[in-house]
N, C-alpha and C. Protein backbone atom coordinates (compact mmCIF):
# COMPACT_ATOMS: atom_id res chain seq x y z
N MET A 1 -31.42 64.23 40.58
CA MET A 1 -31.79 64.42 41.97
C MET A 1 -30.93 65.50 42.61
N LYS A 2 -30.47 66.46 41.81
CA LYS A 2 -29.72 67.57 42.37
C LYS A 2 -30.59 68.40 43.29
N ALA A 3 -31.89 68.35 43.08
CA ALA A 3 -32.81 69.09 43.94
C ALA A 3 -32.72 68.58 45.38
N ARG A 4 -32.39 67.32 45.54
CA ARG A 4 -32.27 66.75 46.88
C ARG A 4 -31.10 67.40 47.62
N GLU A 5 -30.03 67.69 46.87
CA GLU A 5 -28.87 68.35 47.46
C GLU A 5 -29.19 69.78 47.89
N GLN A 6 -30.23 70.35 47.30
CA GLN A 6 -30.62 71.71 47.62
C GLN A 6 -31.55 71.77 48.83
N GLY A 7 -31.78 70.64 49.48
CA GLY A 7 -32.56 70.61 50.70
C GLY A 7 -34.02 70.26 50.52
N LEU A 8 -34.43 69.86 49.32
CA LEU A 8 -35.83 69.46 49.12
C LEU A 8 -36.06 68.06 49.69
N SER A 9 -37.29 67.79 50.02
CA SER A 9 -37.62 66.45 50.52
C SER A 9 -37.50 65.44 49.38
N GLN A 10 -37.48 64.17 49.73
CA GLN A 10 -37.38 63.11 48.73
C GLN A 10 -38.53 63.21 47.73
N GLU A 11 -39.74 63.42 48.22
CA GLU A 11 -40.91 63.50 47.35
C GLU A 11 -40.84 64.69 46.41
N ALA A 12 -40.44 65.84 46.93
CA ALA A 12 -40.36 67.05 46.10
C ALA A 12 -39.25 66.94 45.06
N ALA A 13 -38.11 66.38 45.46
CA ALA A 13 -37.00 66.22 44.53
C ALA A 13 -37.36 65.24 43.41
N ALA A 14 -38.03 64.16 43.76
CA ALA A 14 -38.44 63.18 42.75
C ALA A 14 -39.45 63.80 41.80
N ALA A 15 -40.40 64.54 42.31
CA ALA A 15 -41.40 65.19 41.46
C ALA A 15 -40.75 66.21 40.54
N LYS A 16 -39.79 66.96 41.04
CA LYS A 16 -39.12 67.98 40.25
C LYS A 16 -38.30 67.36 39.12
N SER A 17 -37.72 66.20 39.37
CA SER A 17 -36.89 65.56 38.35
C SER A 17 -37.69 64.60 37.47
N GLY A 18 -38.97 64.43 37.74
CA GLY A 18 -39.79 63.56 36.89
C GLY A 18 -39.64 62.08 37.19
N LEU A 19 -39.21 61.75 38.37
CA LEU A 19 -39.04 60.35 38.77
C LEU A 19 -40.06 59.97 39.82
N SER A 20 -40.22 58.69 40.01
CA SER A 20 -41.05 58.26 41.13
C SER A 20 -40.23 58.37 42.41
N VAL A 21 -40.89 58.45 43.54
CA VAL A 21 -40.20 58.54 44.82
C VAL A 21 -39.35 57.30 45.03
N ARG A 22 -39.87 56.16 44.65
CA ARG A 22 -39.13 54.91 44.82
C ARG A 22 -37.83 54.92 44.01
N SER A 23 -37.90 55.37 42.75
CA SER A 23 -36.69 55.45 41.92
C SER A 23 -35.69 56.42 42.52
N GLY A 24 -36.19 57.54 43.02
CA GLY A 24 -35.32 58.51 43.66
C GLY A 24 -34.59 57.93 44.85
N ARG A 25 -35.29 57.16 45.65
CA ARG A 25 -34.66 56.53 46.81
C ARG A 25 -33.60 55.52 46.38
N ARG A 26 -33.92 54.72 45.36
CA ARG A 26 -32.94 53.74 44.87
C ARG A 26 -31.69 54.43 44.35
N MET A 27 -31.87 55.54 43.63
CA MET A 27 -30.71 56.27 43.11
C MET A 27 -29.88 56.85 44.24
N GLU A 28 -30.55 57.36 45.24
CA GLU A 28 -29.85 57.99 46.35
C GLU A 28 -29.06 56.98 47.19
N THR A 29 -29.60 55.79 47.34
CA THR A 29 -28.91 54.78 48.14
C THR A 29 -27.88 53.99 47.33
N GLY A 30 -27.88 54.19 46.02
CA GLY A 30 -26.94 53.46 45.18
C GLY A 30 -27.45 52.11 44.75
N ALA A 31 -28.71 51.82 45.02
CA ALA A 31 -29.28 50.53 44.64
C ALA A 31 -29.87 50.55 43.24
N HIS A 32 -29.78 51.67 42.57
CA HIS A 32 -30.34 51.80 41.22
C HIS A 32 -29.42 51.10 40.22
N ARG A 33 -29.95 50.06 39.55
CA ARG A 33 -29.18 49.31 38.57
C ARG A 33 -29.95 49.30 37.27
N PRO A 34 -29.71 50.26 36.37
CA PRO A 34 -30.51 50.34 35.16
C PRO A 34 -30.30 49.19 34.19
N GLN A 35 -29.10 48.60 34.14
CA GLN A 35 -28.87 47.48 33.22
C GLN A 35 -28.42 46.27 34.01
N ARG A 36 -29.26 45.28 34.02
CA ARG A 36 -28.93 44.03 34.71
C ARG A 36 -28.59 42.98 33.68
N GLY A 37 -27.66 42.12 34.02
CA GLY A 37 -27.31 41.03 33.13
C GLY A 37 -26.53 41.50 31.93
N ARG A 38 -26.44 40.65 30.95
CA ARG A 38 -25.68 41.02 29.76
C ARG A 38 -26.58 41.71 28.75
N PRO A 39 -26.01 42.55 27.90
CA PRO A 39 -26.83 43.26 26.91
C PRO A 39 -27.46 42.30 25.91
N HIS A 40 -28.59 42.69 25.37
CA HIS A 40 -29.32 41.88 24.39
C HIS A 40 -28.59 41.94 23.06
N ASP A 41 -28.04 40.82 22.62
CA ASP A 41 -27.29 40.81 21.36
C ASP A 41 -27.71 39.66 20.44
N TRP A 42 -28.89 39.13 20.65
CA TRP A 42 -29.35 38.03 19.82
C TRP A 42 -30.65 38.43 19.13
N ARG A 43 -30.93 37.77 18.03
CA ARG A 43 -32.15 38.04 17.28
C ARG A 43 -33.31 37.27 17.90
N THR A 44 -34.47 37.91 17.91
CA THR A 44 -35.66 37.26 18.44
C THR A 44 -36.55 36.72 17.32
N ARG A 45 -36.26 37.12 16.09
CA ARG A 45 -37.01 36.62 14.93
C ARG A 45 -36.13 36.71 13.69
N GLN A 46 -36.55 36.05 12.64
CA GLN A 46 -35.80 36.05 11.39
C GLN A 46 -35.82 37.45 10.76
N ASP A 47 -34.73 37.81 10.09
CA ASP A 47 -34.64 39.09 9.40
C ASP A 47 -35.50 39.02 8.14
N PRO A 48 -36.55 39.84 8.03
CA PRO A 48 -37.44 39.75 6.87
C PRO A 48 -36.78 40.24 5.58
N LEU A 49 -35.69 40.98 5.66
CA LEU A 49 -35.03 41.50 4.46
C LEU A 49 -33.79 40.69 4.07
N ALA A 50 -33.49 39.63 4.78
CA ALA A 50 -32.27 38.86 4.52
C ALA A 50 -32.19 38.36 3.09
N ALA A 51 -33.29 37.95 2.51
CA ALA A 51 -33.28 37.37 1.17
C ALA A 51 -33.05 38.41 0.08
N VAL A 52 -33.40 39.66 0.32
CA VAL A 52 -33.31 40.69 -0.73
C VAL A 52 -32.30 41.79 -0.43
N TRP A 53 -31.74 41.82 0.76
CA TRP A 53 -30.87 42.94 1.14
C TRP A 53 -29.64 43.04 0.24
N GLU A 54 -28.81 42.02 0.20
CA GLU A 54 -27.56 42.07 -0.58
C GLU A 54 -27.82 42.08 -2.08
N GLY A 55 -28.80 41.33 -2.53
CA GLY A 55 -29.02 41.19 -3.96
C GLY A 55 -29.76 42.34 -4.62
N GLU A 56 -30.67 42.99 -3.90
CA GLU A 56 -31.49 44.03 -4.52
C GLU A 56 -31.35 45.40 -3.88
N LEU A 57 -31.45 45.46 -2.57
CA LEU A 57 -31.50 46.76 -1.91
C LEU A 57 -30.13 47.45 -1.85
N VAL A 58 -29.07 46.72 -1.56
CA VAL A 58 -27.75 47.35 -1.50
C VAL A 58 -27.35 47.93 -2.85
N PRO A 59 -27.52 47.20 -3.97
CA PRO A 59 -27.19 47.82 -5.26
C PRO A 59 -28.03 49.08 -5.56
N MET A 60 -29.30 49.05 -5.17
CA MET A 60 -30.13 50.24 -5.38
C MET A 60 -29.59 51.42 -4.58
N LEU A 61 -29.19 51.17 -3.34
CA LEU A 61 -28.67 52.24 -2.50
C LEU A 61 -27.29 52.72 -2.96
N GLU A 62 -26.51 51.83 -3.54
CA GLU A 62 -25.21 52.26 -4.08
C GLU A 62 -25.39 53.15 -5.30
N ARG A 63 -26.38 52.83 -6.14
CA ARG A 63 -26.65 53.66 -7.32
C ARG A 63 -27.28 54.99 -6.94
N GLN A 64 -28.20 54.95 -5.97
CA GLN A 64 -28.92 56.15 -5.56
C GLN A 64 -28.95 56.23 -4.03
N PRO A 65 -27.91 56.78 -3.41
CA PRO A 65 -27.85 56.83 -1.95
C PRO A 65 -28.92 57.71 -1.32
N GLU A 66 -29.56 58.55 -2.10
CA GLU A 66 -30.59 59.44 -1.54
C GLU A 66 -31.95 58.75 -1.38
N LEU A 67 -32.05 57.49 -1.77
CA LEU A 67 -33.31 56.76 -1.61
C LEU A 67 -33.71 56.70 -0.15
N GLN A 68 -35.00 56.85 0.09
CA GLN A 68 -35.50 56.81 1.44
C GLN A 68 -36.08 55.43 1.75
N ALA A 69 -36.23 55.14 3.02
CA ALA A 69 -36.73 53.84 3.45
C ALA A 69 -38.12 53.57 2.90
N LEU A 70 -38.95 54.59 2.83
CA LEU A 70 -40.31 54.40 2.32
C LEU A 70 -40.29 54.01 0.86
N THR A 71 -39.38 54.57 0.08
CA THR A 71 -39.25 54.22 -1.33
C THR A 71 -38.86 52.75 -1.48
N LEU A 72 -37.92 52.31 -0.66
CA LEU A 72 -37.50 50.90 -0.71
C LEU A 72 -38.64 49.97 -0.29
N LEU A 73 -39.40 50.37 0.72
CA LEU A 73 -40.54 49.57 1.17
C LEU A 73 -41.58 49.45 0.05
N GLU A 74 -41.88 50.57 -0.59
CA GLU A 74 -42.86 50.53 -1.69
C GLU A 74 -42.37 49.65 -2.84
N TYR A 75 -41.08 49.71 -3.14
CA TYR A 75 -40.50 48.85 -4.18
C TYR A 75 -40.70 47.38 -3.81
N LEU A 76 -40.39 47.03 -2.57
CA LEU A 76 -40.53 45.64 -2.14
C LEU A 76 -41.99 45.19 -2.14
N GLN A 77 -42.89 46.08 -1.77
CA GLN A 77 -44.32 45.73 -1.76
C GLN A 77 -44.82 45.49 -3.18
N GLN A 78 -44.31 46.24 -4.15
CA GLN A 78 -44.71 46.03 -5.55
C GLN A 78 -44.10 44.76 -6.11
N ARG A 79 -42.84 44.54 -5.79
CA ARG A 79 -42.11 43.38 -6.32
C ARG A 79 -42.54 42.06 -5.68
N TYR A 80 -42.84 42.10 -4.38
CA TYR A 80 -43.21 40.90 -3.63
C TYR A 80 -44.52 41.14 -2.89
N PRO A 81 -45.63 41.22 -3.59
CA PRO A 81 -46.90 41.51 -2.91
C PRO A 81 -47.28 40.42 -1.91
N GLY A 82 -47.73 40.84 -0.76
CA GLY A 82 -48.21 39.92 0.26
C GLY A 82 -47.13 39.26 1.11
N GLN A 83 -45.88 39.62 0.90
CA GLN A 83 -44.80 38.99 1.69
C GLN A 83 -44.29 39.94 2.74
């Protein structure tokens, strides 16, 4: 919102910076709070790779660090079809 400091109206400054007018007003008044509460640090679902990560994928990556994620996915799809 540096454009606001240059004398532009709230609407013009918000448009120039790619924000909504409402967001621009909140930022200008100090009411803008992008992160509320505590950060998200919990899992929302089970890790699908937990059963094979340490036993299969880590040793593969240690032997061949240049392996790409798609290669590992294809390996898992061949080894465990439908899972």
